[in-house]
Amino acid sequence: MTSEAERLDELRNEARYRRERLSLYKARTYGGRPASPYKLRELQRASDGAAARLLRAERVGLTTSSP
């Protein structure tokens, strides 16, 4: 049980980290600094992937903990 909770915490932290990285990079582009479209796409992909993994884990956790 604790392992599941720890894994969900890890996934939440990863999703938050990826969102923040993407947000910071977008802010950099709005500030007029040069930015790579490739890097922006990669950060978006990483953020989307982390969010999807978290959502999937939360769904599985909810279905297995229900009676």
PDB file of N, CA and C in Angstrom:
ATOM      1  N   MET A   1       0.824  -1.183   0.000  1.00  0.00           N
ATOM      2  CA  MET A   1       0.000   0.000   0.000  1.00  0.00           C
ATOM      3  C   MET A   1       0.873   1.253   0.000  1.00  0.00           C
ATOM      4  N   THR A   2       1.867   1.301   0.858  1.00  0.00           N
ATOM      5  CA  THR A   2       2.745   2.455   0.922  1.00  0.00           C
ATOM      6  C   THR A   2       3.475   2.633  -0.400  1.00  0.00           C
ATOM      7  N   SER A   3       3.826   1.532  -1.005  1.00  0.00           N
ATOM      8  CA  SER A   3       4.520   1.590  -2.279  1.00  0.00           C
ATOM      9  C   SER A   3       3.667   2.285  -3.339  1.00  0.00           C
ATOM     10  N   GLU A   4       2.367   2.003  -3.342  1.00  0.00           N
ATOM     11  CA  GLU A   4       1.466   2.655  -4.289  1.00  0.00           C
ATOM     12  C   GLU A   4       1.410   4.152  -4.048  1.00  0.00           C
ATOM     13  N   ALA A   5       1.319   4.533  -2.797  1.00  0.00           N
ATOM     14  CA  ALA A   5       1.264   5.949  -2.437  1.00  0.00           C
ATOM     15  C   ALA A   5       2.564   6.650  -2.820  1.00  0.00           C
ATOM     16  N   GLU A   6       3.680   5.984  -2.587  1.00  0.00           N
ATOM     17  CA  GLU A   6       4.977   6.559  -2.947  1.00  0.00           C
ATOM     18  C   GLU A   6       5.084   6.720  -4.463  1.00  0.00           C
ATOM     19  N   ARG A   7       4.619   5.735  -5.191  1.00  0.00           N
ATOM     20  CA  ARG A   7       4.675   5.797  -6.659  1.00  0.00           C
ATOM     21  C   ARG A   7       3.798   6.941  -7.177  1.00  0.00           C
ATOM     22  N   LEU A   8       2.612   7.107  -6.606  1.00  0.00           N
ATOM     23  CA  LEU A   8       1.751   8.223  -7.010  1.00  0.00           C
ATOM     24  C   LEU A   8       2.411   9.560  -6.696  1.00  0.00           C
ATOM     25  N   ASP A   9       3.074   9.653  -5.543  1.00  0.00           N
ATOM     26  CA  ASP A   9       3.795  10.887  -5.202  1.00  0.00           C
ATOM     27  C   ASP A   9       4.892  11.169  -6.218  1.00  0.00           C
ATOM     28  N   GLU A  10       5.629  10.133  -6.606  1.00  0.00           N
ATOM     29  CA  GLU A  10       6.684  10.298  -7.609  1.00  0.00           C
ATOM     30  C   GLU A  10       6.104  10.796  -8.926  1.00  0.00           C
ATOM     31  N   LEU A  11       4.996  10.203  -9.345  1.00  0.00           N
ATOM     32  CA  LEU A  11       4.368  10.600 -10.604  1.00  0.00           C
ATOM     33  C   LEU A  11       3.838  12.033 -10.527  1.00  0.00           C
ATOM     34  N   ARG A  12       3.272  12.406  -9.382  1.00  0.00           N
ATOM     35  CA  ARG A  12       2.791  13.784  -9.213  1.00  0.00           C
ATOM     36  C   ARG A  12       3.947  14.769  -9.275  1.00  0.00           C
ATOM     37  N   ASN A  13       5.049  14.422  -8.611  1.00  0.00           N
ATOM     38  CA  ASN A  13       6.222  15.295  -8.635  1.00  0.00           C
ATOM     39  C   ASN A  13       6.794  15.426 -10.040  1.00  0.00           C
ATOM     40  N   GLU A  14       6.853  14.316 -10.749  1.00  0.00           N
ATOM     41  CA  GLU A  14       7.369  14.364 -12.117  1.00  0.00           C
ATOM     42  C   GLU A  14       6.471  15.217 -13.012  1.00  0.00           C
ATOM     43  N   ALA A  15       5.163  15.046 -12.898  1.00  0.00           N
ATOM     44  CA  ALA A  15       4.229  15.819 -13.717  1.00  0.00           C
ATOM     45  C   ALA A  15       4.364  17.314 -13.412  1.00  0.00           C
ATOM     46  N   ARG A  16       4.469  17.654 -12.126  1.00  0.00           N
ATOM     47  CA  ARG A  16       4.631  19.060 -11.751  1.00  0.00           C
ATOM     48  C   ARG A  16       5.947  19.620 -12.295  1.00  0.00           C
ATOM     49  N   TYR A  17       7.023  18.853 -12.172  1.00  0.00           N
ATOM     50  CA  TYR A  17       8.328  19.275 -12.670  1.00  0.00           C
ATOM     51  C   TYR A  17       8.288  19.529 -14.178  1.00  0.00           C
ATOM     52  N   ARG A  18       7.690  18.611 -14.912  1.00  0.00           N
ATOM     53  CA  ARG A  18       7.612  18.759 -16.372  1.00  0.00           C
ATOM     54  C   ARG A  18       6.771  19.969 -16.762  1.00  0.00           C
ATOM     55  N   ARG A  19       5.645  20.191 -16.059  1.00  0.00           N
ATOM     56  CA  ARG A  19       4.804  21.369 -16.328  1.00  0.00           C
ATOM     57  C   ARG A  19       5.576  22.658 -16.070  1.00  0.00           C
ATOM     58  N   GLU A  20       6.317  22.680 -14.961  1.00  0.00           N
ATOM     59  CA  GLU A  20       7.074  23.875 -14.612  1.00  0.00           C
ATOM     60  C   GLU A  20       8.181  24.149 -15.623  1.00  0.00           C
ATOM     61  N   ARG A  21       8.877  23.105 -16.065  1.00  0.00           N
ATOM     62  CA  ARG A  21       9.923  23.291 -17.082  1.00  0.00           C
ATOM     63  C   ARG A  21       9.342  23.879 -18.359  1.00  0.00           C
ATOM     64  N   LEU A  22       8.190  23.338 -18.781  1.00  0.00           N
ATOM     65  CA  LEU A  22       7.535  23.837 -19.985  1.00  0.00           C
ATOM     66  C   LEU A  22       7.122  25.295 -19.796  1.00  0.00           C
ATOM     67  N   SER A  23       6.558  25.598 -18.667  1.00  0.00           N
ATOM     68  CA  SER A  23       6.116  26.959 -18.379  1.00  0.00           C
ATOM     69  C   SER A  23       7.286  27.940 -18.388  1.00  0.00           C
ATOM     70  N   LEU A  24       8.386  27.549 -17.780  1.00  0.00           N
ATOM     71  CA  LEU A  24       9.569  28.421 -17.766  1.00  0.00           C
ATOM     72  C   LEU A  24      10.117  28.640 -19.166  1.00  0.00           C
ATOM     73  N   TYR A  25      10.122  27.594 -19.972  1.00  0.00           N
ATOM     74  CA  TYR A  25      10.640  27.738 -21.331  1.00  0.00           C
ATOM     75  C   TYR A  25       9.728  28.634 -22.163  1.00  0.00           C
ATOM     76  N   LYS A  26       8.413  28.486 -21.977  1.00  0.00           N
ATOM     77  CA  LYS A  26       7.485  29.362 -22.687  1.00  0.00           C
ATOM     78  C   LYS A  26       7.686  30.811 -22.262  1.00  0.00           C
ATOM     79  N   ALA A  27       7.890  31.045 -20.978  1.00  0.00           N
ATOM     80  CA  ALA A  27       8.125  32.399 -20.483  1.00  0.00           C
ATOM     81  C   ALA A  27       9.392  32.969 -21.102  1.00  0.00           C
ATOM     82  N   ARG A  28      10.369  32.134 -21.290  1.00  0.00           N
ATOM     83  CA  ARG A  28      11.626  32.566 -21.920  1.00  0.00           C
ATOM     84  C   ARG A  28      11.359  33.064 -23.342  1.00  0.00           C
ATOM     85  N   THR A  29      10.507  32.348 -24.065  1.00  0.00           N
ATOM     86  CA  THR A  29      10.222  32.758 -25.443  1.00  0.00           C
ATOM     87  C   THR A  29       9.438  34.068 -25.469  1.00  0.00           C
ATOM     88  N   TYR A  30       8.542  34.267 -24.502  1.00  0.00           N
ATOM     89  CA  TYR A  30       7.772  35.502 -24.451  1.00  0.00           C
ATOM     90  C   TYR A  30       8.662  36.689 -24.090  1.00  0.00           C
ATOM     91  N   GLY A  31       9.747  36.421 -23.393  1.00  0.00           N
ATOM     92  CA  GLY A  31      10.663  37.475 -22.996  1.00  0.00           C
ATOM     93  C   GLY A  31      11.589  37.923 -24.117  1.00  0.00           C
ATOM     94  N   GLY A  32      11.463  37.307 -25.270  1.00  0.00           N
ATOM     95  CA  GLY A  32      12.279  37.711 -26.403  1.00  0.00           C
ATOM     96  C   GLY A  32      13.600  36.980 -26.544  1.00  0.00           C
ATOM     97  N   ARG A  33      13.872  36.067 -25.658  1.00  0.00           N
ATOM     98  CA  ARG A  33      15.117  35.304 -25.776  1.00  0.00           C
ATOM     99  C   ARG A  33      14.943  34.228 -26.838  1.00  0.00           C
ATOM    100  N   PRO A  34      16.018  33.896 -27.506  1.00  0.00           N
ATOM    101  CA  PRO A  34      15.915  32.852 -28.542  1.00  0.00           C
ATOM    102  C   PRO A  34      15.498  31.509 -27.935  1.00  0.00           C
ATOM    103  N   ALA A  35      14.638  30.829 -28.655  1.00  0.00           N
ATOM    104  CA  ALA A  35      14.157  29.525 -28.188  1.00  0.00           C
ATOM    105  C   ALA A  35      14.058  28.580 -29.370  1.00  0.00           C
ATOM    106  N   SER A  36      14.283  27.326 -29.074  1.00  0.00           N
ATOM    107  CA  SER A  36      14.225  26.293 -30.100  1.00  0.00           C
ATOM    108  C   SER A  36      12.820  25.703 -30.170  1.00  0.00           C
ATOM    109  N   PRO A  37      12.210  25.722 -31.367  1.00  0.00           N
ATOM    110  CA  PRO A  37      10.902  25.076 -31.507  1.00  0.00           C
ATOM    111  C   PRO A  37      10.973  23.576 -31.185  1.00  0.00           C
ATOM    112  N   TYR A  38      12.102  22.965 -31.494  1.00  0.00           N
ATOM    113  CA  TYR A  38      12.285  21.544 -31.208  1.00  0.00           C
ATOM    114  C   TYR A  38      12.247  21.301 -29.700  1.00  0.00           C
ATOM    115  N   LYS A  39      12.981  22.123 -28.945  1.00  0.00           N
ATOM    116  CA  LYS A  39      13.018  21.948 -27.498  1.00  0.00           C
ATOM    117  C   LYS A  39      11.635  22.202 -26.897  1.00  0.00           C
ATOM    118  N   LEU A  40      10.929  23.184 -27.415  1.00  0.00           N
ATOM    119  CA  LEU A  40       9.581  23.462 -26.931  1.00  0.00           C
ATOM    120  C   LEU A  40       8.665  22.256 -27.153  1.00  0.00           C
ATOM    121  N   ARG A  41       8.749  21.639 -28.317  1.00  0.00           N
ATOM    122  CA  ARG A  41       7.944  20.442 -28.601  1.00  0.00           C
ATOM    123  C   ARG A  41       8.326  19.287 -27.680  1.00  0.00           C
ATOM    124  N   GLU A  42       9.620  19.126 -27.436  1.00  0.00           N
ATOM    125  CA  GLU A  42      10.080  18.044 -26.564  1.00  0.00           C
ATOM    126  C   GLU A  42       9.611  18.254 -25.126  1.00  0.00           C
ATOM    127  N   LEU A  43       9.668  19.485 -24.654  1.00  0.00           N
ATOM    128  CA  LEU A  43       9.182  19.774 -23.304  1.00  0.00           C
ATOM    129  C   LEU A  43       7.678  19.555 -23.217  1.00  0.00           C
ATOM    130  N   GLN A  44       6.950  19.918 -24.264  1.00  0.00           N
ATOM    131  CA  GLN A  44       5.507  19.700 -24.290  1.00  0.00           C
ATOM    132  C   GLN A  44       5.197  18.206 -24.289  1.00  0.00           C
ATOM    133  N   ARG A  45       5.941  17.453 -25.078  1.00  0.00           N
ATOM    134  CA  ARG A  45       5.756  15.999 -25.146  1.00  0.00           C
ATOM    135  C   ARG A  45       6.043  15.360 -23.791  1.00  0.00           C
ATOM    136  N   ALA A  46       7.115  15.785 -23.145  1.00  0.00           N
ATOM    137  CA  ALA A  46       7.466  15.233 -21.833  1.00  0.00           C
ATOM    138  C   ALA A  46       6.403  15.571 -20.789  1.00  0.00           C
ATOM    139  N   SER A  47       5.894  16.781 -20.841  1.00  0.00           N
ATOM    140  CA  SER A  47       4.846  17.201 -19.910  1.00  0.00           C
ATOM    141  C   SER A  47       3.567  16.401 -20.137  1.00  0.00           C
ATOM    142  N   ASP A  48       3.187  16.256 -21.385  1.00  0.00           N
ATOM    143  CA  ASP A  48       1.984  15.480 -21.710  1.00  0.00           C
ATOM    144  C   ASP A  48       2.130  14.024 -21.280  1.00  0.00           C
ATOM    145  N   GLY A  49       3.299  13.452 -21.498  1.00  0.00           N
ATOM    146  CA  GLY A  49       3.542  12.058 -21.120  1.00  0.00           C
ATOM    147  C   GLY A  49       3.471  11.855 -19.617  1.00  0.00           C
ATOM    148  N   ALA A  50       4.074  12.770 -18.863  1.00  0.00           N
ATOM    149  CA  ALA A  50       4.044  12.662 -17.404  1.00  0.00           C
ATOM    150  C   ALA A  50       2.611  12.796 -16.887  1.00  0.00           C
ATOM    151  N   ALA A  51       1.851  13.709 -17.476  1.00  0.00           N
ATOM    152  CA  ALA A  51       0.460  13.893 -17.062  1.00  0.00           C
ATOM    153  C   ALA A  51      -0.364  12.642 -17.378  1.00  0.00           C
ATOM    154  N   ALA A  52      -0.111  12.030 -18.521  1.00  0.00           N
ATOM    155  CA  ALA A  52      -0.847  10.822 -18.909  1.00  0.00           C
ATOM    156  C   ALA A  52      -0.513   9.654 -17.980  1.00  0.00           C
ATOM    157  N   ARG A  53       0.771   9.520 -17.617  1.00  0.00           N
ATOM    158  CA  ARG A  53       1.163   8.442 -16.702  1.00  0.00           C
ATOM    159  C   ARG A  53       0.506   8.628 -15.337  1.00  0.00           C
ATOM    160  N   LEU A  54       0.475   9.863 -14.869  1.00  0.00           N
ATOM    161  CA  LEU A  54      -0.155  10.139 -13.587  1.00  0.00           C
ATOM    162  C   LEU A  54      -1.648   9.829 -13.645  1.00  0.00           C
ATOM    163  N   LEU A  55      -2.311  10.268 -14.680  1.00  0.00           N
ATOM    164  CA  LEU A  55      -3.742  10.024 -14.818  1.00  0.00           C
ATOM    165  C   LEU A  55      -4.042   8.530 -14.853  1.00  0.00           C
ATOM    166  N   ARG A  56      -3.245   7.793 -15.615  1.00  0.00           N
ATOM    167  CA  ARG A  56      -3.430   6.342 -15.713  1.00  0.00           C
ATOM    168  C   ARG A  56      -3.235   5.682 -14.350  1.00  0.00           C
ATOM    169  N   ALA A  57      -2.199   6.091 -13.617  1.00  0.00           N
ATOM    170  CA  ALA A  57      -1.934   5.502 -12.304  1.00  0.00           C
ATOM    171  C   ALA A  57      -3.039   5.845 -11.317  1.00  0.00           C
ATOM    172  N   GLU A  58      -3.549   7.063 -11.377  1.00  0.00           N
ATOM    173  CA  GLU A  58      -4.639   7.446 -10.479  1.00  0.00           C
ATOM    174  C   GLU A  58      -5.907   6.658 -10.799  1.00  0.00           C
ATOM    175  N   ARG A  59      -6.170   6.457 -12.058  1.00  0.00           N
ATOM    176  CA  ARG A  59      -7.356   5.674 -12.437  1.00  0.00           C
ATOM    177  C   ARG A  59      -7.241   4.240 -11.963  1.00  0.00           C
ATOM    178  N   VAL A  60      -6.090   3.644 -12.141  1.00  0.00           N
ATOM    179  CA  VAL A  60      -5.879   2.253 -11.715  1.00  0.00           C
ATOM    180  C   VAL A  60      -5.989   2.192 -10.195  1.00  0.00           C
ATOM    181  N   GLY A  61      -5.410   3.154  -9.491  1.00  0.00           N
ATOM    182  CA  GLY A  61      -5.487   3.182  -8.037  1.00  0.00           C
ATOM    183  C   GLY A  61      -6.905   3.337  -7.548  1.00  0.00           C
ATOM    184  N   LEU A  62      -7.698   4.137  -8.239  1.00  0.00           N
ATOM    185  CA  LEU A  62      -9.078   4.331  -7.825  1.00  0.00           C
ATOM    186  C   LEU A  62      -9.911   3.074  -8.070  1.00  0.00           C
ATOM    187  N   THR A  63      -9.670   2.393  -9.160  1.00  0.00           N
ATOM    188  CA  THR A  63     -10.482   1.210  -9.463  1.00  0.00           C
ATOM    189  C   THR A  63     -10.094   0.041  -8.571  1.00  0.00           C
ATOM    190  N   THR A  64      -8.821  -0.068  -8.174  1.00  0.00           N
ATOM    191  CA  THR A  64      -8.430  -1.196  -7.344  1.00  0.00           C
ATOM    192  C   THR A  64      -8.761  -0.968  -5.879  1.00  0.00           C
ATOM    193  N   SER A  65      -8.899   0.290  -5.455  1.00  0.00           N
ATOM    194  CA  SER A  65      -9.201   0.545  -4.038  1.00  0.00           C
ATOM    195  C   SER A  65     -10.686   0.560  -3.767  1.00  0.00           C
ATOM    196  N   SER A  66     -11.511   0.576  -4.791  1.00  0.00           N
ATOM    197  CA  SER A  66     -12.971   0.564  -4.596  1.00  0.00           C
ATOM    198  C   SER A  66     -13.445  -0.859  -4.304  1.00  0.00           C
ATOM    199  N   PRO A  67     -14.421  -1.010  -3.387  1.00  0.00           N
ATOM    200  CA  PRO A  67     -14.912  -2.376  -3.067  1.00  0.00           C
ATOM    201  C   PRO A  67     -15.743  -2.947  -4.180  1.00  0.00           C
TER     202      PRO A  67
END
